Amino acid sequence: MRSIVLALVLGLGSLAVPAFAQSGGTPLNIRGTVDKLDGETLTVTTREGPKAAIVLPADVRISGVKKITVADIKDGDYIASTSIKGPDGKLRAMEIHTFPPGPPPRNLNQRPYDLAPNSLMTNAQVSQVTKVSQGATTEITVTYEDKKEVVVVSPETAIVAPTSGDKSLLKSGAAVFVAVTKEADGKLTAARVVAETNGIKPPM
């Protein structure tokens, strides 16, 4: 599962993380490392190789991440998980990122995602956390839109929580996840940037 084949192509529209949804233009997810920040333009070397020049508007949301464990996830929390559905119908989590404290997120749903082939993004509320075996797997039952899913979390699942951030995180070589809008003229404008923080890279 950790051998992810990324499917992002800058010329194609892909689904943005539901938590970072945006309007107008074509949503794209860009993953890669910072090449440079020049004024309001962030240049990213994408995981696929090409460079992307991204405009950072004044209201762009920049956050960092910190590593947490499955023990930090409690009943009632809201989480977003990228997973692949197994033959038993359970979701095998590749990564989980929690929502910041505050009102419930607006986009509680499940949809196809572009982190890996056949992956799903599920934004949902935790209703139960069950330890299956010590040091092995944990099952998290989540609900969204009156639906219920079981997310299987292994020791290899990356789990992070958001932290406050600003442009100081956008250093050369830092790993970033950028949710952008691509306009008809090809201009890329960021709505959300999640940046590597203290060596912890955004897994989404």
Protein backbone atom coordinates (compact mmCIF):
# COMPACT_ATOMS: atom_id res chain seq x y z
CA MET A 1 0.00 0.00 0.00
CA ARG A 2 2.91 2.29 0.67
CA SER A 3 4.06 1.87 -2.94
CA ILE A 4 1.89 4.68 -4.24
CA VAL A 5 1.63 5.33 -7.94
CA LEU A 6 0.68 8.99 -8.18
CA ALA A 7 -1.71 9.95 -10.94
CA LEU A 8 -1.54 13.73 -10.90
CA VAL A 9 -0.97 15.41 -14.25
CA LEU A 10 -0.94 19.20 -14.21
CA GLY A 11 -2.96 19.45 -17.40
CA LEU A 12 -5.86 17.43 -16.01
CA GLY A 13 -8.43 18.30 -13.40
CA SER A 14 -8.29 16.16 -10.28
CA LEU A 15 -10.36 16.16 -7.14
CA ALA A 16 -9.29 18.52 -4.42
CA VAL A 17 -9.25 17.44 -0.80
CA PRO A 18 -12.86 17.92 0.33
CA ALA A 19 -11.66 19.76 3.42
CA PHE A 20 -9.97 22.33 1.19
CA ALA A 21 -12.69 22.68 -1.43
CA GLN A 22 -12.71 25.75 -3.62
CA SER A 23 -14.88 27.33 -6.29
CA GLY A 24 -14.12 28.60 -9.79
CA GLY A 25 -11.70 27.20 -12.32
CA THR A 26 -10.51 23.60 -12.29
CA PRO A 27 -9.35 22.20 -8.93
CA LEU A 28 -5.98 20.46 -8.87
CA ASN A 29 -3.84 18.89 -6.18
CA ILE A 30 -0.13 19.57 -6.49
CA ARG A 31 2.35 17.55 -4.45
CA GLY A 32 6.07 18.13 -4.47
CA THR A 33 8.85 20.19 -2.97
CA VAL A 34 9.39 23.92 -2.83
CA ASP A 35 11.83 25.22 -5.39
CA LYS A 36 11.55 28.86 -4.34
CA LEU A 37 9.19 31.52 -3.05
CA ASP A 38 9.53 34.76 -4.99
CA GLY A 39 7.13 37.39 -3.71
CA GLU A 40 3.66 35.98 -4.24
CA THR A 41 4.77 33.17 -6.56
CA LEU A 42 5.57 29.73 -5.18
CA THR A 43 7.49 27.46 -7.54
CA VAL A 44 7.10 23.77 -6.77
CA THR A 45 8.94 20.86 -8.31
CA THR A 46 6.15 18.33 -8.56
CA ARG A 47 6.55 14.67 -7.75
CA GLU A 48 6.05 13.97 -11.42
CA GLY A 49 9.00 16.19 -12.37
CA PRO A 50 7.67 19.40 -13.97
CA LYS A 51 7.77 22.68 -12.11
CA ALA A 52 4.56 24.52 -11.24
CA ALA A 53 4.41 28.29 -10.64
CA ILE A 54 1.59 28.97 -8.17
CA VAL A 55 0.18 32.36 -7.18
CA LEU A 56 -0.36 32.79 -3.44
CA PRO A 57 -3.20 35.26 -2.89
CA ALA A 58 -3.32 37.41 0.23
CA ASP A 59 -5.94 35.16 1.81
CA VAL A 60 -4.23 31.83 1.06
CA ARG A 61 -4.42 29.38 3.95
CA ILE A 62 -1.05 28.00 4.98
CA SER A 63 -0.74 25.31 7.63
CA GLY A 64 1.81 22.87 8.91
CA VAL A 65 1.43 19.33 10.21
CA LYS A 66 2.46 17.41 13.26
CA LYS A 67 2.61 13.68 13.73
CA ILE A 68 0.03 12.09 16.00
CA THR A 69 -0.98 8.50 16.70
CA VAL A 70 -4.23 6.61 16.43
CA ALA A 71 -4.48 6.91 20.23
CA ASP A 72 -5.04 10.65 19.74
CA ILE A 73 -8.21 10.03 17.72
CA LYS A 74 -11.33 10.00 19.88
CA ASP A 75 -15.04 9.35 19.43
CA GLY A 76 -16.68 12.49 18.03
CA ASP A 77 -13.57 13.75 16.22
CA TYR A 78 -13.69 14.66 12.56
CA ILE A 79 -11.08 13.08 10.31
CA ALA A 80 -10.20 12.84 6.65
CA SER A 81 -8.71 9.58 5.47
CA THR A 82 -7.28 8.42 2.17
CA SER A 83 -7.88 4.73 1.75
CA ILE A 84 -8.37 1.84 -0.61
CA LYS A 85 -11.38 -0.39 -0.10
CA GLY A 86 -10.51 -4.00 0.65
CA PRO A 87 -12.41 -7.09 -0.48
CA ASP A 88 -14.14 -7.17 2.90
CA GLY A 89 -15.55 -3.70 2.29
CA LYS A 90 -13.36 -2.05 4.93
CA LEU A 91 -11.22 0.97 4.10
CA ARG A 92 -7.45 0.40 4.39
CA ALA A 93 -6.09 3.80 5.42
CA MET A 94 -3.01 5.12 3.64
CA GLU A 95 -3.12 8.36 5.60
CA ILE A 96 -5.34 10.19 8.07
CA HIS A 97 -5.39 13.90 8.81
CA THR A 98 -7.59 15.42 11.44
CA PHE A 99 -9.65 18.57 11.14
CA PRO A 100 -8.77 21.59 13.28
CA PRO A 101 -10.95 22.31 16.31
CA GLY A 102 -14.10 24.26 15.58
CA PRO A 103 -17.43 23.78 13.83
CA PRO A 104 -18.06 20.49 12.01
CA PRO A 105 -16.64 20.50 8.48
CA ARG A 106 -19.15 21.19 5.73
CA ASN A 107 -18.01 18.45 3.37
CA LEU A 108 -18.67 15.21 5.19
CA ASN A 109 -18.64 12.75 2.32
CA GLN A 110 -16.68 10.16 0.39
CA ARG A 111 -15.35 10.55 -3.14
CA PRO A 112 -12.64 9.25 -5.49
CA TYR A 113 -9.23 10.72 -4.77
CA ASP A 114 -5.98 11.11 -6.65
CA LEU A 115 -3.31 10.02 -4.17
CA ALA A 116 -3.19 6.50 -5.62
CA PRO A 117 -5.19 4.44 -8.11
CA ASN A 118 -8.63 3.50 -6.75
CA SER A 119 -8.10 5.59 -3.62
CA LEU A 120 -10.95 7.27 -1.78
CA MET A 121 -11.11 10.36 0.39
CA THR A 122 -13.53 10.04 3.29
CA ASN A 123 -14.38 13.05 5.46
CA ALA A 124 -16.38 11.79 8.41
CA GLN A 125 -17.03 11.84 12.13
CA VAL A 126 -15.53 9.16 14.33
CA SER A 127 -18.17 7.11 16.14
CA GLN A 128 -15.99 4.32 17.54
CA VAL A 129 -12.31 3.43 17.85
CA THR A 130 -11.57 -0.27 18.36
CA LYS A 131 -8.14 -1.73 19.04
CA VAL A 132 -7.98 -4.98 17.09
CA SER A 133 -4.64 -6.18 18.40
CA GLN A 134 -1.88 -4.60 20.44
CA GLY A 135 0.65 -2.85 18.20
CA ALA A 136 -1.03 -4.06 15.01
CA THR A 137 -4.26 -2.62 13.64
CA THR A 138 -7.03 -0.37 14.88
CA GLU A 139 -10.48 -0.05 13.36
CA ILE A 140 -12.15 3.36 13.33
CA THR A 141 -15.87 3.47 12.59
CA VAL A 142 -16.85 6.73 10.91
CA THR A 143 -20.14 8.19 9.72
CA TYR A 144 -21.04 10.67 6.96
CA GLU A 145 -24.29 11.39 5.14
CA ASP A 146 -26.06 8.73 7.25
CA LYS A 147 -23.54 6.17 6.01
CA LYS A 148 -21.08 4.15 8.05
CA GLU A 149 -17.60 2.90 7.12
CA VAL A 150 -14.84 1.06 8.94
CA VAL A 151 -11.34 2.49 8.47
CA VAL A 152 -8.52 0.05 9.19
CA VAL A 153 -5.42 1.78 10.54
CA SER A 154 -2.11 -0.07 10.44
CA PRO A 155 1.22 0.89 12.03
CA GLU A 156 2.29 2.13 8.58
CA THR A 157 -0.61 4.58 8.24
CA ALA A 158 0.59 8.18 8.32
CA ILE A 159 -1.47 10.21 10.81
CA VAL A 160 -1.12 13.96 11.18
CA ALA A 161 -2.89 16.94 12.70
CA PRO A 162 -2.83 20.50 11.36
CA THR A 163 -0.71 23.20 12.97
CA SER A 164 -0.59 26.93 12.38
CA GLY A 165 1.71 28.04 9.60
CA ASP A 166 2.83 30.90 7.40
CA LYS A 167 5.15 31.57 4.48
CA SER A 168 8.18 30.86 6.64
CA LEU A 169 7.40 27.15 6.15
CA LEU A 170 7.83 27.48 2.39
CA LYS A 171 11.55 26.91 2.36
CA SER A 172 13.45 25.42 -0.56
CA GLY A 173 13.21 21.64 -0.38
CA ALA A 174 10.18 21.55 1.93
CA ALA A 175 7.49 19.04 0.94
CA VAL A 176 4.13 20.65 0.21
CA PHE A 177 0.58 19.76 -0.71
CA VAL A 178 -1.13 22.59 -2.56
CA ALA A 179 -4.82 22.73 -3.48
CA VAL A 180 -5.03 25.07 -6.44
CA THR A 181 -7.43 26.38 -9.03
CA LYS A 182 -6.31 26.28 -12.66
CA GLU A 183 -7.85 29.02 -14.79
CA ALA A 184 -8.54 28.78 -18.51
CA ASP A 185 -5.32 30.66 -19.24
CA GLY A 186 -3.30 28.12 -17.24
CA LYS A 187 -2.78 30.34 -14.20
CA LEU A 188 -2.54 28.36 -10.94
CA THR A 189 -3.86 30.03 -7.79
CA ALA A 190 -3.50 28.40 -4.39
CA ALA A 191 -6.42 28.09 -2.00
CA ARG A 192 -4.59 25.98 0.55
CA VAL A 193 -0.98 25.04 1.25
CA VAL A 194 0.05 22.32 3.70
CA ALA A 195 3.79 22.38 4.29
CA GLU A 196 6.40 20.13 5.86
CA THR A 197 6.94 21.05 9.49
CA ASN A 198 9.91 19.94 11.60
CA GLY A 199 10.57 17.09 9.19
CA ILE A 200 6.95 15.88 9.11
CA LYS A 201 5.68 15.86 5.53
CA PRO A 202 2.03 16.27 4.52
CA PRO A 203 0.87 12.75 3.56
CA MET A 204 -2.28 13.73 1.75
